[in-house]
Amino acid sequence: MKKVTVRDERDGSDRRHLEAYLDETGNLHIDGQDLGPSTSIVSGDGEYEWRVIIKGDDLRRLLGLLGAKADANILDVLGSGDRAGDLEALIRDSDIHVERTSWSG
């Protein structure tokens, strides 16, 4: 299974990591892990993990939001880093249905 790193940032003792992959049915999984003191608003132990799943039928719409061609490979687009910074806001502000899960300590 191909996974791409969408973001891997460090700022002092904070780290933000985001990766994406397609499951066997064509759904997009975006998995995030934030570590460090900046997670204190949601986590008592400095770690916050989350996952967003977008159905394969909605990937063309996501590609459009990202400014990519409708037939582009979503993993190539996300792995290019061109729009990773605002990916979360684009998804949140869109009408694309997502499954969200999160975990914090």
PDB file of N, CA and C in Angstrom:
ATOM      1  N   MET A   1       0.844  -1.177   0.000  1.00  0.00           N
ATOM      2  CA  MET A   1       0.000   0.000   0.000  1.00  0.00           C
ATOM      3  C   MET A   1       0.890   1.241   0.000  1.00  0.00           C
ATOM      4  N   LYS A   2       0.623   2.128  -0.932  1.00  0.00           N
ATOM      5  CA  LYS A   2       1.399   3.359  -1.037  1.00  0.00           C
ATOM      6  C   LYS A   2       0.889   4.373  -0.013  1.00  0.00           C
ATOM      7  N   LYS A   3       1.810   4.921   0.768  1.00  0.00           N
ATOM      8  CA  LYS A   3       1.511   6.011   1.690  1.00  0.00           C
ATOM      9  C   LYS A   3       2.366   7.201   1.300  1.00  0.00           C
ATOM     10  N   VAL A   4       1.791   8.386   1.437  1.00  0.00           N
ATOM     11  CA  VAL A   4       2.561   9.593   1.170  1.00  0.00           C
ATOM     12  C   VAL A   4       2.551  10.475   2.409  1.00  0.00           C
ATOM     13  N   THR A   5       3.650  11.147   2.615  1.00  0.00           N
ATOM     14  CA  THR A   5       3.732  12.120   3.693  1.00  0.00           C
ATOM     15  C   THR A   5       3.206  13.444   3.163  1.00  0.00           C
ATOM     16  N   VAL A   6       2.179  13.943   3.822  1.00  0.00           N
ATOM     17  CA  VAL A   6       1.570  15.206   3.429  1.00  0.00           C
ATOM     18  C   VAL A   6       2.247  16.354   4.165  1.00  0.00           C
ATOM     19  N   ARG A   7       2.608  16.097   5.421  1.00  0.00           N
ATOM     20  CA  ARG A   7       3.277  17.125   6.223  1.00  0.00           C
ATOM     21  C   ARG A   7       4.147  16.415   7.259  1.00  0.00           C
ATOM     22  N   ASP A   8       5.314  16.971   7.516  1.00  0.00           N
ATOM     23  CA  ASP A   8       6.180  16.507   8.593  1.00  0.00           C
ATOM     24  C   ASP A   8       6.951  17.733   9.088  1.00  0.00           C
ATOM     25  N   GLU A   9       6.381  18.396  10.089  1.00  0.00           N
ATOM     26  CA  GLU A   9       6.922  19.666  10.568  1.00  0.00           C
ATOM     27  C   GLU A   9       7.419  19.548  12.001  1.00  0.00           C
ATOM     28  N   ARG A  10       8.468  20.256  12.281  1.00  0.00           N
ATOM     29  CA  ARG A  10       8.978  20.405  13.641  1.00  0.00           C
ATOM     30  C   ARG A  10       9.122  21.884  13.940  1.00  0.00           C
ATOM     31  N   ASP A  11       8.687  22.256  15.148  1.00  0.00           N
ATOM     32  CA  ASP A  11       8.835  23.634  15.607  1.00  0.00           C
ATOM     33  C   ASP A  11       9.181  23.558  17.089  1.00  0.00           C
ATOM     34  N   GLY A  12      10.452  23.662  17.405  1.00  0.00           N
ATOM     35  CA  GLY A  12      10.887  23.468  18.782  1.00  0.00           C
ATOM     36  C   GLY A  12      10.584  22.049  19.219  1.00  0.00           C
ATOM     37  N   SER A  13       9.826  21.893  20.300  1.00  0.00           N
ATOM     38  CA  SER A  13       9.489  20.546  20.772  1.00  0.00           C
ATOM     39  C   SER A  13       8.142  20.056  20.239  1.00  0.00           C
ATOM     40  N   ASP A  14       7.535  20.805  19.321  1.00  0.00           N
ATOM     41  CA  ASP A  14       6.286  20.378  18.680  1.00  0.00           C
ATOM     42  C   ASP A  14       6.591  19.686  17.358  1.00  0.00           C
ATOM     43  N   ARG A  15       5.787  18.654  17.067  1.00  0.00           N
ATOM     44  CA  ARG A  15       5.915  17.954  15.796  1.00  0.00           C
ATOM     45  C   ARG A  15       4.527  17.677  15.256  1.00  0.00           C
ATOM     46  N   ARG A  16       4.353  17.901  13.962  1.00  0.00           N
ATOM     47  CA  ARG A  16       3.086  17.617  13.289  1.00  0.00           C
ATOM     48  C   ARG A  16       3.366  16.736  12.084  1.00  0.00           C
ATOM     49  N   HIS A  17       2.707  15.578  12.054  1.00  0.00           N
ATOM     50  CA  HIS A  17       2.913  14.625  10.965  1.00  0.00           C
ATOM     51  C   HIS A  17       1.559  14.259  10.373  1.00  0.00           C
ATOM     52  N   LEU A  18       1.506  14.206   9.055  1.00  0.00           N
ATOM     53  CA  LEU A  18       0.275  13.880   8.348  1.00  0.00           C
ATOM     54  C   LEU A  18       0.634  12.978   7.176  1.00  0.00           C
ATOM     55  N   GLU A  19      -0.069  11.842   7.065  1.00  0.00           N
ATOM     56  CA  GLU A  19       0.160  10.960   5.931  1.00  0.00           C
ATOM     57  C   GLU A  19      -1.172  10.516   5.357  1.00  0.00           C
ATOM     58  N   ALA A  20      -1.138  10.066   4.100  1.00  0.00           N
ATOM     59  CA  ALA A  20      -2.356   9.671   3.410  1.00  0.00           C
ATOM     60  C   ALA A  20      -2.126   8.378   2.641  1.00  0.00           C
ATOM     61  N   TYR A  21      -3.207   7.611   2.503  1.00  0.00           N
ATOM     62  CA  TYR A  21      -3.181   6.396   1.687  1.00  0.00           C
ATOM     63  C   TYR A  21      -4.589   6.054   1.251  1.00  0.00           C
ATOM     64  N   LEU A  22      -4.675   5.242   0.205  1.00  0.00           N
ATOM     65  CA  LEU A  22      -5.954   4.730  -0.265  1.00  0.00           C
ATOM     66  C   LEU A  22      -6.119   3.302   0.229  1.00  0.00           C
ATOM     67  N   ASP A  23      -7.305   2.979   0.764  1.00  0.00           N
ATOM     68  CA  ASP A  23      -7.542   1.602   1.194  1.00  0.00           C
ATOM     69  C   ASP A  23      -7.962   0.756  -0.011  1.00  0.00           C
ATOM     70  N   GLU A  24      -8.204  -0.506   0.233  1.00  0.00           N
ATOM     71  CA  GLU A  24      -8.503  -1.450  -0.847  1.00  0.00           C
ATOM     72  C   GLU A  24      -9.799  -1.125  -1.581  1.00  0.00           C
ATOM     73  N   THR A  25     -10.678  -0.322  -0.998  1.00  0.00           N
ATOM     74  CA  THR A  25     -11.933   0.045  -1.660  1.00  0.00           C
ATOM     75  C   THR A  25     -11.865   1.420  -2.319  1.00  0.00           C
ATOM     76  N   GLY A  26     -10.710   2.103  -2.238  1.00  0.00           N
ATOM     77  CA  GLY A  26     -10.537   3.390  -2.885  1.00  0.00           C
ATOM     78  C   GLY A  26     -10.838   4.595  -2.015  1.00  0.00           C
ATOM     79  N   ASN A  27     -11.089   4.369  -0.731  1.00  0.00           N
ATOM     80  CA  ASN A  27     -11.315   5.477   0.193  1.00  0.00           C
ATOM     81  C   ASN A  27      -9.981   6.069   0.629  1.00  0.00           C
ATOM     82  N   LEU A  28      -9.960   7.388   0.790  1.00  0.00           N
ATOM     83  CA  LEU A  28      -8.751   8.090   1.198  1.00  0.00           C
ATOM     84  C   LEU A  28      -8.706   8.198   2.717  1.00  0.00           C
ATOM     85  N   HIS A  29      -7.595   7.776   3.295  1.00  0.00           N
ATOM     86  CA  HIS A  29      -7.347   7.907   4.731  1.00  0.00           C
ATOM     87  C   HIS A  29      -6.279   8.976   4.917  1.00  0.00           C
ATOM     88  N   ILE A  30      -6.560   9.928   5.782  1.00  0.00           N
ATOM     89  CA  ILE A  30      -5.584  10.951   6.140  1.00  0.00           C
ATOM     90  C   ILE A  30      -5.375  10.827   7.641  1.00  0.00           C
ATOM     91  N   ASP A  31      -4.176  10.425   8.035  1.00  0.00           N
ATOM     92  CA  ASP A  31      -3.850  10.183   9.443  1.00  0.00           C
ATOM     93  C   ASP A  31      -2.890  11.245   9.942  1.00  0.00           C
ATOM     94  N   GLY A  32      -3.224  11.842  11.082  1.00  0.00           N
ATOM     95  CA  GLY A  32      -2.387  12.880  11.656  1.00  0.00           C
ATOM     96  C   GLY A  32      -1.941  12.548  13.064  1.00  0.00           C
ATOM     97  N   GLN A  33      -0.770  13.024  13.410  1.00  0.00           N
ATOM     98  CA  GLN A  33      -0.250  12.888  14.770  1.00  0.00           C
ATOM     99  C   GLN A  33       0.458  14.192  15.116  1.00  0.00           C
ATOM    100  N   ASP A  34       0.004  14.813  16.201  1.00  0.00           N
ATOM    101  CA  ASP A  34       0.625  16.031  16.707  1.00  0.00           C
ATOM    102  C   ASP A  34       1.221  15.713  18.068  1.00  0.00           C
ATOM    103  N   LEU A  35       2.465  16.103  18.262  1.00  0.00           N
ATOM    104  CA  LEU A  35       3.180  15.843  19.511  1.00  0.00           C
ATOM    105  C   LEU A  35       3.750  17.148  20.047  1.00  0.00           C
ATOM    106  N   GLY A  36       3.748  17.275  21.360  1.00  0.00           N
ATOM    107  CA  GLY A  36       4.388  18.423  21.980  1.00  0.00           C
ATOM    108  C   GLY A  36       3.433  19.288  22.769  1.00  0.00           C
ATOM    109  N   PRO A  37       3.966  20.356  23.344  1.00  0.00           N
ATOM    110  CA  PRO A  37       3.183  21.217  24.215  1.00  0.00           C
ATOM    111  C   PRO A  37       1.995  21.900  23.540  1.00  0.00           C
ATOM    112  N   SER A  38       2.052  22.100  22.231  1.00  0.00           N
ATOM    113  CA  SER A  38       0.936  22.772  21.562  1.00  0.00           C
ATOM    114  C   SER A  38      -0.338  21.941  21.565  1.00  0.00           C
ATOM    115  N   THR A  39      -0.245  20.669  21.911  1.00  0.00           N
ATOM    116  CA  THR A  39      -1.437  19.812  21.974  1.00  0.00           C
ATOM    117  C   THR A  39      -2.169  19.940  23.308  1.00  0.00           C
ATOM    118  N   SER A  40      -1.671  20.763  24.209  1.00  0.00           N
ATOM    119  CA  SER A  40      -2.220  20.827  25.567  1.00  0.00           C
ATOM    120  C   SER A  40      -3.705  21.174  25.623  1.00  0.00           C
ATOM    121  N   ILE A  41      -4.239  21.852  24.609  1.00  0.00           N
ATOM    122  CA  ILE A  41      -5.660  22.186  24.640  1.00  0.00           C
ATOM    123  C   ILE A  41      -6.545  20.961  24.411  1.00  0.00           C
ATOM    124  N   VAL A  42      -5.978  19.877  23.858  1.00  0.00           N
ATOM    125  CA  VAL A  42      -6.764  18.661  23.612  1.00  0.00           C
ATOM    126  C   VAL A  42      -6.176  17.413  24.254  1.00  0.00           C
ATOM    127  N   SER A  43      -4.962  17.512  24.792  1.00  0.00           N
ATOM    128  CA  SER A  43      -4.294  16.314  25.288  1.00  0.00           C
ATOM    129  C   SER A  43      -3.505  16.607  26.558  1.00  0.00           C
ATOM    130  N   GLY A  44      -3.669  15.743  27.538  1.00  0.00           N
ATOM    131  CA  GLY A  44      -2.935  15.901  28.778  1.00  0.00           C
ATOM    132  C   GLY A  44      -1.514  15.373  28.725  1.00  0.00           C
ATOM    133  N   ASP A  45      -1.209  14.521  27.745  1.00  0.00           N
ATOM    134  CA  ASP A  45       0.131  13.927  27.699  1.00  0.00           C
ATOM    135  C   ASP A  45       0.966  14.372  26.503  1.00  0.00           C
ATOM    136  N   GLY A  46       0.497  15.371  25.747  1.00  0.00           N
ATOM    137  CA  GLY A  46       1.299  15.902  24.653  1.00  0.00           C
ATOM    138  C   GLY A  46       1.185  15.136  23.356  1.00  0.00           C
ATOM    139  N   GLU A  47       0.144  14.306  23.207  1.00  0.00           N
ATOM    140  CA  GLU A  47      -0.032  13.573  21.958  1.00  0.00           C
ATOM    141  C   GLU A  47      -1.497  13.614  21.543  1.00  0.00           C
ATOM    142  N   TYR A  48      -1.723  13.904  20.263  1.00  0.00           N
ATOM    143  CA  TYR A  48      -3.060  13.934  19.698  1.00  0.00           C
ATOM    144  C   TYR A  48      -2.990  13.267  18.336  1.00  0.00           C
ATOM    145  N   GLU A  49      -3.831  12.259  18.115  1.00  0.00           N
ATOM    146  CA  GLU A  49      -3.877  11.556  16.841  1.00  0.00           C
ATOM    147  C   GLU A  49      -5.283  11.639  16.284  1.00  0.00           C
ATOM    148  N   TRP A  50      -5.381  11.686  14.968  1.00  0.00           N
ATOM    149  CA  TRP A  50      -6.688  11.752  14.344  1.00  0.00           C
ATOM    150  C   TRP A  50      -6.647  11.135  12.961  1.00  0.00           C
ATOM    151  N   ARG A  51      -7.832  10.779  12.482  1.00  0.00           N
ATOM    152  CA  ARG A  51      -7.966  10.188  11.149  1.00  0.00           C
ATOM    153  C   ARG A  51      -9.217  10.751  10.502  1.00  0.00           C
ATOM    154  N   VAL A  52      -9.094  11.044   9.221  1.00  0.00           N
ATOM    155  CA  VAL A  52     -10.222  11.431   8.391  1.00  0.00           C
ATOM    156  C   VAL A  52     -10.282  10.429   7.243  1.00  0.00           C
ATOM    157  N   ILE A  53     -11.473   9.925   6.961  1.00  0.00           N
ATOM    158  CA  ILE A  53     -11.675   9.029   5.819  1.00  0.00           C
ATOM    159  C   ILE A  53     -12.659   9.712   4.867  1.00  0.00           C
ATOM    160  N   ILE A  54     -12.255   9.795   3.615  1.00  0.00           N
ATOM    161  CA  ILE A  54     -13.088  10.378   2.569  1.00  0.00           C
ATOM    162  C   ILE A  54     -13.390   9.277   1.560  1.00  0.00           C
ATOM    163  N   LYS A  55     -14.649   9.092   1.274  1.00  0.00           N
ATOM    164  CA  LYS A  55     -15.080   8.053   0.334  1.00  0.00           C
ATOM    165  C   LYS A  55     -14.506   8.319  -1.051  1.00  0.00           C
ATOM    166  N   GLY A  56     -14.202   7.238  -1.746  1.00  0.00           N
ATOM    167  CA  GLY A  56     -13.642   7.338  -3.087  1.00  0.00           C
ATOM    168  C   GLY A  56     -14.481   8.164  -4.040  1.00  0.00           C
ATOM    169  N   ASP A  57     -15.805   8.126  -3.870  1.00  0.00           N
ATOM    170  CA  ASP A  57     -16.701   8.889  -4.742  1.00  0.00           C
ATOM    171  C   ASP A  57     -16.513  10.401  -4.600  1.00  0.00           C
ATOM    172  N   ASP A  58     -15.918  10.858  -3.506  1.00  0.00           N
ATOM    173  CA  ASP A  58     -15.731  12.288  -3.266  1.00  0.00           C
ATOM    174  C   ASP A  58     -14.334  12.791  -3.626  1.00  0.00           C
ATOM    175  N   LEU A  59     -13.480  11.911  -4.131  1.00  0.00           N
ATOM    176  CA  LEU A  59     -12.100  12.332  -4.398  1.00  0.00           C
ATOM    177  C   LEU A  59     -11.990  13.335  -5.531  1.00  0.00           C
ATOM    178  N   ARG A  60     -12.851  13.249  -6.540  1.00  0.00           N
ATOM    179  CA  ARG A  60     -12.814  14.240  -7.625  1.00  0.00           C
ATOM    180  C   ARG A  60     -13.119  15.632  -7.084  1.00  0.00           C
ATOM    181  N   ARG A  61     -14.072  15.714  -6.173  1.00  0.00           N
ATOM    182  CA  ARG A  61     -14.412  17.006  -5.571  1.00  0.00           C
ATOM    183  C   ARG A  61     -13.246  17.534  -4.746  1.00  0.00           C
ATOM    184  N   LEU A  62     -12.578  16.638  -4.010  1.00  0.00           N
ATOM    185  CA  LEU A  62     -11.416  17.050  -3.226  1.00  0.00           C
ATOM    186  C   LEU A  62     -10.297  17.532  -4.141  1.00  0.00           C
ATOM    187  N   LEU A  63     -10.077  16.820  -5.224  1.00  0.00           N
ATOM    188  CA  LEU A  63      -9.059  17.257  -6.183  1.00  0.00           C
ATOM    189  C   LEU A  63      -9.366  18.657  -6.704  1.00  0.00           C
ATOM    190  N   GLY A  64     -10.634  18.925  -6.972  1.00  0.00           N
ATOM    191  CA  GLY A  64     -11.026  20.259  -7.425  1.00  0.00           C
ATOM    192  C   GLY A  64     -10.724  21.325  -6.386  1.00  0.00           C
ATOM    193  N   LEU A  65     -11.026  21.024  -5.124  1.00  0.00           N
ATOM    194  CA  LEU A  65     -10.735  21.971  -4.042  1.00  0.00           C
ATOM    195  C   LEU A  65      -9.236  22.235  -3.927  1.00  0.00           C
ATOM    196  N   LEU A  66      -8.449  21.227  -4.237  1.00  0.00           N
ATOM    197  CA  LEU A  66      -6.993  21.351  -4.149  1.00  0.00           C
ATOM    198  C   LEU A  66      -6.393  22.014  -5.395  1.00  0.00           C
ATOM    199  N   GLY A  67      -7.248  22.327  -6.373  1.00  0.00           N
ATOM    200  CA  GLY A  67      -6.766  22.971  -7.587  1.00  0.00           C
ATOM    201  C   GLY A  67      -6.106  22.018  -8.554  1.00  0.00           C
ATOM    202  N   ALA A  68      -6.405  20.730  -8.431  1.00  0.00           N
ATOM    203  CA  ALA A  68      -5.800  19.710  -9.293  1.00  0.00           C
ATOM    204  C   ALA A  68      -6.813  19.261 -10.345  1.00  0.00           C
ATOM    205  N   LYS A  69      -6.323  18.627 -11.374  1.00  0.00           N
ATOM    206  CA  LYS A  69      -7.191  18.073 -12.413  1.00  0.00           C
ATOM    207  C   LYS A  69      -8.003  16.917 -11.835  1.00  0.00           C
ATOM    208  N   ALA A  70      -9.197  16.731 -12.354  1.00  0.00           N
ATOM    209  CA  ALA A  70     -10.116  15.703 -11.841  1.00  0.00           C
ATOM    210  C   ALA A  70      -9.565  14.291 -12.011  1.00  0.00           C
ATOM    211  N   ASP A  71      -8.666  14.083 -12.971  1.00  0.00           N
ATOM    212  CA  ASP A  71      -8.124  12.739 -13.185  1.00  0.00           C
ATOM    213  C   ASP A  71      -6.741  12.547 -12.552  1.00  0.00           C
ATOM    214  N   ALA A  72      -6.305  13.507 -11.746  1.00  0.00           N
ATOM    215  CA  ALA A  72      -4.997  13.401 -11.080  1.00  0.00           C
ATOM    216  C   ALA A  72      -5.039  12.316 -10.004  1.00  0.00           C
ATOM    217  N   ASN A  73      -3.892  11.791  -9.671  1.00  0.00           N
ATOM    218  CA  ASN A  73      -3.784  10.819  -8.586  1.00  0.00           C
ATOM    219  C   ASN A  73      -3.751  11.593  -7.269  1.00  0.00           C
ATOM    220  N   ILE A  74      -4.733  11.353  -6.420  1.00  0.00           N
ATOM    221  CA  ILE A  74      -4.855  12.107  -5.175  1.00  0.00           C
ATOM    222  C   ILE A  74      -3.606  11.984  -4.308  1.00  0.00           C
ATOM    223  N   LEU A  75      -2.983  10.813  -4.288  1.00  0.00           N
ATOM    224  CA  LEU A  75      -1.782  10.643  -3.465  1.00  0.00           C
ATOM    225  C   LEU A  75      -0.613  11.458  -4.018  1.00  0.00           C
ATOM    226  N   ASP A  76      -0.507  11.542  -5.322  1.00  0.00           N
ATOM    227  CA  ASP A  76       0.543  12.371  -5.912  1.00  0.00           C
ATOM    228  C   ASP A  76       0.313  13.837  -5.580  1.00  0.00           C
ATOM    229  N   VAL A  77      -0.935  14.276  -5.633  1.00  0.00           N
ATOM    230  CA  VAL A  77      -1.258  15.668  -5.326  1.00  0.00           C
ATOM    231  C   VAL A  77      -0.956  15.964  -3.866  1.00  0.00           C
ATOM    232  N   LEU A  78      -1.406  15.098  -2.967  1.00  0.00           N
ATOM    233  CA  LEU A  78      -1.169  15.328  -1.538  1.00  0.00           C
ATOM    234  C   LEU A  78       0.305  15.215  -1.183  1.00  0.00           C
ATOM    235  N   GLY A  79       1.026  14.318  -1.827  1.00  0.00           N
ATOM    236  CA  GLY A  79       2.438  14.132  -1.545  1.00  0.00           C
ATOM    237  C   GLY A  79       3.326  15.222  -2.093  1.00  0.00           C
ATOM    238  N   SER A  80       2.791  16.046  -2.999  1.00  0.00           N
ATOM    239  CA  SER A  80       3.604  17.100  -3.601  1.00  0.00           C
ATOM    240  C   SER A  80       3.860  18.253  -2.637  1.00  0.00           C
ATOM    241  N   GLY A  81       3.030  18.357  -1.591  1.00  0.00           N
ATOM    242  CA  GLY A  81       3.214  19.411  -0.600  1.00  0.00           C
ATOM    243  C   GLY A  81       2.679  20.765  -1.015  1.00  0.00           C
ATOM    244  N   ASP A  82       2.146  20.872  -2.221  1.00  0.00           N
ATOM    245  CA  ASP A  82       1.683  22.169  -2.716  1.00  0.00           C
ATOM    246  C   ASP A  82       0.502  22.740  -1.936  1.00  0.00           C
ATOM    247  N   ARG A  83      -0.402  21.910  -1.462  1.00  0.00           N
ATOM    248  CA  ARG A  83      -1.591  22.397  -0.775  1.00  0.00           C
ATOM    249  C   ARG A  83      -1.759  21.783   0.605  1.00  0.00           C
ATOM    250  N   ALA A  84      -0.748  21.129   1.123  1.00  0.00           N
ATOM    251  CA  ALA A  84      -0.861  20.439   2.412  1.00  0.00           C
ATOM    252  C   ALA A  84      -1.191  21.379   3.551  1.00  0.00           C
ATOM    253  N   GLY A  85      -0.679  22.591   3.493  1.00  0.00           N
ATOM    254  CA  GLY A  85      -0.874  23.529   4.587  1.00  0.00           C
ATOM    255  C   GLY A  85      -2.318  23.852   4.880  1.00  0.00           C
ATOM    256  N   ASP A  86      -3.139  23.906   3.837  1.00  0.00           N
ATOM    257  CA  ASP A  86      -4.539  24.243   4.059  1.00  0.00           C
ATOM    258  C   ASP A  86      -5.478  23.061   3.808  1.00  0.00           C
ATOM    259  N   LEU A  87      -4.940  21.858   3.720  1.00  0.00           N
ATOM    260  CA  LEU A  87      -5.757  20.673   3.462  1.00  0.00           C
ATOM    261  C   LEU A  87      -6.854  20.502   4.505  1.00  0.00           C
ATOM    262  N   GLU A  88      -6.485  20.583   5.772  1.00  0.00           N
ATOM    263  CA  GLU A  88      -7.472  20.370   6.837  1.00  0.00           C
ATOM    264  C   GLU A  88      -8.602  21.388   6.768  1.00  0.00           C
ATOM    265  N   ALA A  89      -8.269  22.650   6.532  1.00  0.00           N
ATOM    266  CA  ALA A  89      -9.296  23.690   6.440  1.00  0.00           C
ATOM    267  C   ALA A  89     -10.170  23.482   5.204  1.00  0.00           C
ATOM    268  N   LEU A  90      -9.575  23.107   4.081  1.00  0.00           N
ATOM    269  CA  LEU A  90     -10.351  22.850   2.870  1.00  0.00           C
ATOM    270  C   LEU A  90     -11.392  21.765   3.108  1.00  0.00           C
ATOM    271  N   ILE A  91     -10.964  20.690   3.749  1.00  0.00           N
ATOM    272  CA  ILE A  91     -11.895  19.587   4.019  1.00  0.00           C
ATOM    273  C   ILE A  91     -12.967  20.036   5.003  1.00  0.00           C
ATOM    274  N   ARG A  92     -12.559  20.678   6.069  1.00  0.00           N
ATOM    275  CA  ARG A  92     -13.498  21.103   7.116  1.00  0.00           C
ATOM    276  C   ARG A  92     -14.540  22.077   6.572  1.00  0.00           C
ATOM    277  N   ASP A  93     -14.121  22.984   5.703  1.00  0.00           N
ATOM    278  CA  ASP A  93     -15.015  24.007   5.187  1.00  0.00           C
ATOM    279  C   ASP A  93     -15.830  23.553   3.979  1.00  0.00           C
ATOM    280  N   SER A  94     -15.578  22.359   3.488  1.00  0.00           N
ATOM    281  CA  SER A  94     -16.307  21.852   2.320  1.00  0.00           C
ATOM    282  C   SER A  94     -17.556  21.095   2.775  1.00  0.00           C
ATOM    283  N   ASP A  95     -18.340  20.683   1.795  1.00  0.00           N
ATOM    284  CA  ASP A  95     -19.499  19.841   2.103  1.00  0.00           C
ATOM    285  C   ASP A  95     -19.198  18.364   1.853  1.00  0.00           C
ATOM    286  N   ILE A  96     -17.922  18.034   1.709  1.00  0.00           N
ATOM    287  CA  ILE A  96     -17.530  16.633   1.533  1.00  0.00           C
ATOM    288  C   ILE A  96     -17.737  15.911   2.854  1.00  0.00           C
ATOM    289  N   HIS A  97     -18.471  14.801   2.800  1.00  0.00           N
ATOM    290  CA  HIS A  97     -18.717  14.003   4.011  1.00  0.00           C
ATOM    291  C   HIS A  97     -17.440  13.261   4.383  1.00  0.00           C
ATOM    292  N   VAL A  98     -17.067  13.347   5.659  1.00  0.00           N
ATOM    293  CA  VAL A  98     -15.895  12.633   6.159  1.00  0.00           C
ATOM    294  C   VAL A  98     -16.254  11.855   7.411  1.00  0.00           C
ATOM    295  N   GLU A  99     -15.535  10.785   7.611  1.00  0.00           N
ATOM    296  CA  GLU A  99     -15.561  10.065   8.889  1.00  0.00           C
ATOM    297  C   GLU A  99     -14.371  10.561   9.680  1.00  0.00           C
ATOM    298  N   ARG A 100     -14.602  11.032  10.899  1.00  0.00           N
ATOM    299  CA  ARG A 100     -13.498  11.534  11.728  1.00  0.00           C
ATOM    300  C   ARG A 100     -13.402  10.691  13.010  1.00  0.00           C
ATOM    301  N   THR A 101     -12.180  10.377  13.360  1.00  0.00           N
ATOM    302  CA  THR A 101     -11.903   9.780  14.663  1.00  0.00           C
ATOM    303  C   THR A 101     -10.692  10.476  15.231  1.00  0.00           C
ATOM    304  N   SER A 102     -10.610  10.511  16.562  1.00  0.00           N
ATOM    305  CA  SER A 102      -9.438  11.120  17.193  1.00  0.00           C
ATOM    306  C   SER A 102      -9.141  10.429  18.513  1.00  0.00           C
ATOM    307  N   TRP A 103      -7.911  10.601  18.959  1.00  0.00           N
ATOM    308  CA  TRP A 103      -7.461  10.032  20.229  1.00  0.00           C
ATOM    309  C   TRP A 103      -6.491  11.010  20.864  1.00  0.00           C
ATOM    310  N   SER A 104      -6.629  11.183  22.142  1.00  0.00           N
ATOM    311  CA  SER A 104      -5.658  11.979  22.893  1.00  0.00           C
ATOM    312  C   SER A 104      -5.515  11.383  24.283  1.00  0.00           C
ATOM    313  N   GLY A 105      -4.347  11.608  24.882  1.00  0.00           N
ATOM    314  CA  GLY A 105      -4.074  11.038  26.190  1.00  0.00           C
ATOM    315  C   GLY A 105      -4.357  11.985  27.314  1.00  0.00           C
TER     316      GLY A 105
END
